[in-house]
N, C-alpha and C. Protein backbone atom coordinates (compact mmCIF):
# COMPACT_ATOMS: atom_id res chain seq x y z
N MET A 1 0.57 -1.15 0.12
CA MET A 1 -0.20 -0.03 -0.23
C MET A 1 1.01 1.39 0.05
N ALA A 2 0.62 1.96 -1.23
CA ALA A 2 2.01 3.29 -1.03
C ALA A 2 1.10 4.33 -0.59
N LEU A 3 1.49 5.10 0.59
CA LEU A 3 1.08 6.47 0.99
C LEU A 3 1.68 7.78 -0.12
N ASN A 4 0.62 8.73 -0.40
CA ASN A 4 1.33 9.66 -0.74
C ASN A 4 0.95 10.76 0.22
N ARG A 5 1.54 12.01 -0.38
CA ARG A 5 1.71 12.98 0.35
C ARG A 5 0.43 13.47 1.31
N THR A 6 -0.45 13.46 0.52
CA THR A 6 -2.00 14.02 1.53
C THR A 6 -2.29 12.84 2.44
N ASP A 7 -1.91 11.67 2.15
CA ASP A 7 -2.23 10.89 3.48
C ASP A 7 -1.05 10.75 4.37
N VAL A 8 0.07 11.64 4.39
CA VAL A 8 0.91 11.56 5.54
C VAL A 8 0.30 12.72 5.93
N GLU A 9 0.17 13.77 5.60
CA GLU A 9 -0.15 14.92 5.97
C GLU A 9 -1.18 15.11 6.86
N LYS A 10 -2.47 13.82 6.43
CA LYS A 10 -3.49 13.60 7.15
C LYS A 10 -3.13 13.19 8.71
N ILE A 11 -2.12 12.13 8.44
CA ILE A 11 -2.00 10.99 9.48
C ILE A 11 -1.07 11.96 10.63
N ALA A 12 -0.48 12.98 10.22
CA ALA A 12 0.62 13.95 10.79
C ALA A 12 -0.55 15.00 11.63
N HIS A 13 -1.42 15.29 10.88
CA HIS A 13 -2.64 16.26 11.52
C HIS A 13 -3.15 15.80 12.19
N LEU A 14 -3.92 14.01 12.35
CA LEU A 14 -4.53 13.41 13.46
C LEU A 14 -3.73 13.21 14.46
N ALA A 15 -2.15 12.74 13.99
CA ALA A 15 -1.36 12.76 15.46
C ALA A 15 -0.80 13.99 16.08
N ARG A 16 -1.27 15.22 15.51
CA ARG A 16 -0.67 16.41 15.95
C ARG A 16 0.91 16.43 15.88
N LEU A 17 1.50 16.00 15.02
CA LEU A 17 2.88 16.12 14.59
C LEU A 17 3.21 17.14 13.28
N GLN A 18 4.14 17.75 13.62
CA GLN A 18 4.55 18.89 12.61
C GLN A 18 5.74 18.37 12.01
N ILE A 19 5.52 17.73 10.59
CA ILE A 19 6.48 17.45 9.93
C ILE A 19 6.59 18.28 8.70
N ASP A 20 8.52 18.74 8.56
CA ASP A 20 8.94 19.50 7.54
C ASP A 20 8.23 19.04 6.28
N GLU A 21 8.07 19.88 5.38
CA GLU A 21 7.80 19.67 3.86
C GLU A 21 8.54 18.83 3.13
N SER A 22 9.87 19.21 3.58
CA SER A 22 10.91 18.31 2.67
C SER A 22 10.80 16.84 3.27
N SER A 23 10.34 16.92 4.48
CA SER A 23 10.67 15.38 5.12
C SER A 23 9.33 14.48 4.77
N VAL A 24 8.57 14.71 3.66
CA VAL A 24 7.19 14.30 3.83
C VAL A 24 7.22 13.13 2.82
N PRO A 25 8.15 13.29 1.70
CA PRO A 25 8.33 11.96 0.71
C PRO A 25 8.90 10.95 1.70
N GLU A 26 9.63 11.07 2.38
CA GLU A 26 10.65 10.02 3.29
C GLU A 26 9.52 9.45 4.26
N TYR A 27 8.78 10.14 4.63
CA TYR A 27 7.66 9.59 5.69
C TYR A 27 6.94 8.62 4.94
N ALA A 28 6.72 9.15 4.03
CA ALA A 28 5.46 8.29 2.97
C ALA A 28 6.28 6.92 2.48
N THR A 29 7.54 6.80 2.39
CA THR A 29 8.49 5.94 1.89
C THR A 29 8.38 5.09 3.14
N ASN A 30 8.55 5.59 4.16
CA ASN A 30 8.88 4.37 5.36
C ASN A 30 7.46 3.91 6.04
N LEU A 31 6.34 4.84 5.95
CA LEU A 31 4.89 4.17 6.41
C LEU A 31 4.51 3.16 5.15
N SER A 32 5.14 3.47 4.20
CA SER A 32 4.39 2.64 3.08
C SER A 32 5.36 1.36 3.26
N ASN A 33 6.53 1.04 3.60
CA ASN A 33 7.19 0.03 3.84
C ASN A 33 6.83 -0.93 4.80
N ILE A 34 6.50 0.01 6.15
CA ILE A 34 5.45 -0.50 7.04
C ILE A 34 4.24 -1.25 7.02
N LEU A 35 3.60 -0.57 6.27
CA LEU A 35 2.37 -1.28 5.65
C LEU A 35 2.58 -2.28 4.69
N ASP A 36 3.42 -2.66 4.04
CA ASP A 36 3.76 -3.54 3.09
C ASP A 36 4.10 -4.53 3.87
N LEU A 37 4.97 -4.31 4.67
CA LEU A 37 5.64 -5.57 5.64
C LEU A 37 4.31 -6.28 6.63
N ILE A 38 3.31 -5.24 7.07
CA ILE A 38 2.44 -5.63 7.95
C ILE A 38 1.20 -6.74 7.03
N SER A 39 1.24 -6.38 5.76
CA SER A 39 0.19 -7.14 4.68
C SER A 39 1.16 -8.39 4.80
N GLN A 40 2.73 -8.30 4.56
CA GLN A 40 3.29 -9.88 4.20
C GLN A 40 2.99 -10.46 5.29
N MET A 41 2.86 -9.99 6.62
CA MET A 41 2.77 -10.93 7.80
C MET A 41 1.46 -10.87 7.99
N GLN A 42 0.63 -10.32 7.54
CA GLN A 42 -0.85 -11.18 7.55
C GLN A 42 -1.26 -12.15 6.23
N SER A 43 -0.36 -12.13 5.77
CA SER A 43 -0.86 -13.30 4.72
C SER A 43 -0.27 -14.59 5.03
N ILE A 44 0.61 -14.82 5.98
CA ILE A 44 1.21 -15.63 6.58
C ILE A 44 -0.08 -16.95 7.29
N ASP A 45 0.23 -18.29 6.85
CA ASP A 45 -0.58 -18.91 7.39
C ASP A 45 -0.26 -19.53 8.96
N THR A 46 -1.23 -19.03 9.99
CA THR A 46 -0.65 -18.93 11.38
C THR A 46 -1.42 -19.67 12.20
N SER A 47 -2.44 -20.84 11.22
CA SER A 47 -3.54 -21.94 11.75
C SER A 47 -2.71 -22.55 12.75
N ASP A 48 -1.29 -23.00 12.63
CA ASP A 48 -0.85 -24.57 13.14
C ASP A 48 0.12 -23.73 14.47
N VAL A 49 0.25 -22.54 14.35
CA VAL A 49 1.04 -21.91 15.48
C VAL A 49 0.71 -21.84 16.63
N GLU A 50 1.16 -22.29 18.20
CA GLU A 50 0.33 -22.32 19.12
C GLU A 50 0.47 -20.57 19.96
N PRO A 51 -0.48 -20.06 20.33
CA PRO A 51 -0.19 -19.08 20.69
C PRO A 51 0.47 -19.25 22.25
N LEU A 52 1.52 -17.75 22.35
CA LEU A 52 2.56 -17.84 23.66
C LEU A 52 2.09 -16.91 24.45
N ALA A 53 2.31 -16.81 25.65
CA ALA A 53 2.05 -15.87 26.75
C ALA A 53 3.72 -15.14 26.54
N HIS A 54 4.74 -15.67 26.40
CA HIS A 54 6.00 -15.28 26.39
C HIS A 54 6.82 -15.82 25.43
N PRO A 55 7.71 -15.49 24.50
CA PRO A 55 8.79 -16.38 23.94
C PRO A 55 9.63 -17.22 24.04
N LEU A 56 9.97 -16.85 25.18
CA LEU A 56 10.87 -17.66 25.99
C LEU A 56 10.11 -18.68 27.29
N ASP A 57 10.61 -19.98 27.37
CA ASP A 57 10.39 -20.48 28.43
C ASP A 57 10.75 -20.43 29.82
N ALA A 58 10.80 -18.61 30.11
CA ALA A 58 10.84 -18.72 31.51
C ALA A 58 10.12 -18.65 32.28
N VAL A 59 10.51 -19.35 33.99
CA VAL A 59 9.84 -19.64 34.55
C VAL A 59 9.77 -18.11 35.72
N GLN A 60 8.86 -17.59 36.27
CA GLN A 60 9.41 -16.54 37.04
C GLN A 60 9.35 -16.93 38.51
N ARG A 61 10.69 -16.61 38.95
CA ARG A 61 10.86 -16.57 40.30
C ARG A 61 10.04 -16.11 41.57
N LEU A 62 9.37 -16.65 42.24
CA LEU A 62 8.69 -16.10 43.20
C LEU A 62 9.21 -16.65 44.65
N ARG A 63 9.53 -15.66 45.63
CA ARG A 63 9.74 -15.49 47.25
C ARG A 63 8.46 -16.86 47.85
N ALA A 64 9.07 -17.11 48.83
CA ALA A 64 8.23 -17.80 49.54
C ALA A 64 6.99 -16.81 49.94
N ASP A 65 5.89 -17.37 50.47
CA ASP A 65 4.74 -16.70 51.06
C ASP A 65 5.01 -16.49 52.39
N ASN A 66 5.70 -15.95 52.89
CA ASN A 66 6.05 -15.94 54.78
C ASN A 66 4.96 -14.46 55.22
N ILE A 67 4.68 -14.88 56.44
CA ILE A 67 4.59 -13.68 57.19
C ILE A 67 5.75 -13.10 57.73
N THR A 68 5.61 -11.65 57.40
CA THR A 68 6.85 -10.89 57.75
C THR A 68 6.68 -9.67 58.88
N GLU A 69 5.28 -9.36 59.13
CA GLU A 69 5.08 -8.52 60.28
C GLU A 69 3.86 -9.17 61.22
N ASN A 70 3.74 -8.39 62.08
CA ASN A 70 2.70 -9.10 62.91
C ASN A 70 1.50 -8.33 63.11
N ASN A 71 0.73 -8.49 63.07
CA ASN A 71 -0.89 -8.02 62.76
C ASN A 71 -0.90 -7.09 64.23
N GLN A 72 -0.98 -5.64 63.44
CA GLN A 72 -1.10 -4.36 64.28
C GLN A 72 -2.13 -3.79 64.37
N ARG A 73 -3.36 -4.48 63.93
CA ARG A 73 -4.72 -4.01 63.63
C ARG A 73 -5.11 -2.96 64.96
N GLU A 74 -5.08 -3.94 66.03
CA GLU A 74 -5.77 -3.04 67.33
C GLU A 74 -4.79 -1.93 67.69
N HIS A 75 -3.62 -2.19 67.71
CA HIS A 75 -2.58 -0.93 67.91
C HIS A 75 -2.88 0.45 67.09
N LEU A 76 -2.95 -0.03 66.01
CA LEU A 76 -3.25 1.29 64.77
C LEU A 76 -4.67 2.17 64.92
N GLN A 77 -5.69 0.74 64.92
CA GLN A 77 -6.85 1.32 65.32
C GLN A 77 -7.17 2.55 66.88
N THR A 78 -6.34 2.35 67.57
CA THR A 78 -6.62 3.12 68.58
C THR A 78 -6.23 4.97 68.46
N VAL A 79 -6.02 5.04 67.45
CA VAL A 79 -5.43 6.21 67.16
C VAL A 79 -6.18 6.89 66.08
N ALA A 80 -7.01 5.81 65.07
CA ALA A 80 -7.85 6.30 64.46
C ALA A 80 -9.37 6.96 64.75
N PRO A 81 -9.73 8.06 64.40
CA PRO A 81 -11.07 9.00 64.62
C PRO A 81 -12.15 8.17 64.87
N SER A 82 -12.50 7.08 64.01
CA SER A 82 -13.67 6.16 63.88
C SER A 82 -13.41 4.82 63.47
N VAL A 83 -13.97 4.01 64.36
CA VAL A 83 -13.60 2.34 64.29
C VAL A 83 -14.96 1.85 64.47
N GLU A 84 -15.02 0.50 63.70
CA GLU A 84 -16.11 -0.26 63.79
C GLU A 84 -16.03 -1.25 63.47
N SER A 85 -16.46 -2.54 64.09
CA SER A 85 -16.34 -3.89 64.10
C SER A 85 -14.93 -4.11 63.24
N GLY A 86 -13.74 -3.78 63.83
CA GLY A 86 -12.35 -3.74 63.01
C GLY A 86 -11.93 -3.08 62.09
N LEU A 87 -12.91 -2.05 61.62
CA LEU A 87 -12.72 -1.61 60.24
C LEU A 87 -12.80 -0.35 60.52
N PHE A 88 -11.86 0.42 60.07
CA PHE A 88 -12.03 2.26 59.63
C PHE A 88 -12.76 2.62 59.12
N LEU A 89 -13.73 3.56 59.85
CA LEU A 89 -14.69 4.41 59.29
C LEU A 89 -14.42 5.61 58.59
N VAL A 90 -14.51 5.79 57.18
CA VAL A 90 -14.18 6.98 56.51
C VAL A 90 -15.62 7.82 56.15
N PRO A 91 -15.21 9.02 56.00
CA PRO A 91 -16.05 9.76 55.22
C PRO A 91 -16.87 9.39 54.01
N LYS A 92 -17.79 9.39 53.41
CA LYS A 92 -18.31 8.98 52.14
C LYS A 92 -17.67 10.27 51.10
N VAL A 93 -16.92 9.52 50.07
CA VAL A 93 -16.31 10.30 49.05
C VAL A 93 -17.28 10.93 47.95
N ILE A 94 -18.23 9.80 47.25
CA ILE A 94 -18.78 9.84 46.32
C ILE A 94 -20.44 9.96 46.90
N GLU A 95 -21.06 11.09 46.21
CA GLU A 95 -22.22 11.19 46.54
C GLU A 95 -23.43 10.60 45.77
């Protein structure tokens, strides 16, 4: 798909980009090459390709799920302005 000068100017306007008049042909060529590459990639049969979550078979290292702090809820709620049934009460924000 070949883009012309007006196509590049429309794209630049929509993207709010300021492009020099002298570089418009270069942008048109580069964008046309990108669109041609996309067209080539879409024409490839990928029906037998299994989707991947990640291109590498990497396993994420996770730390052990151990408790590192003591429960201080009662201590922290002693200085709270309003508490009910172990919960902090706060003013309603959304009307």
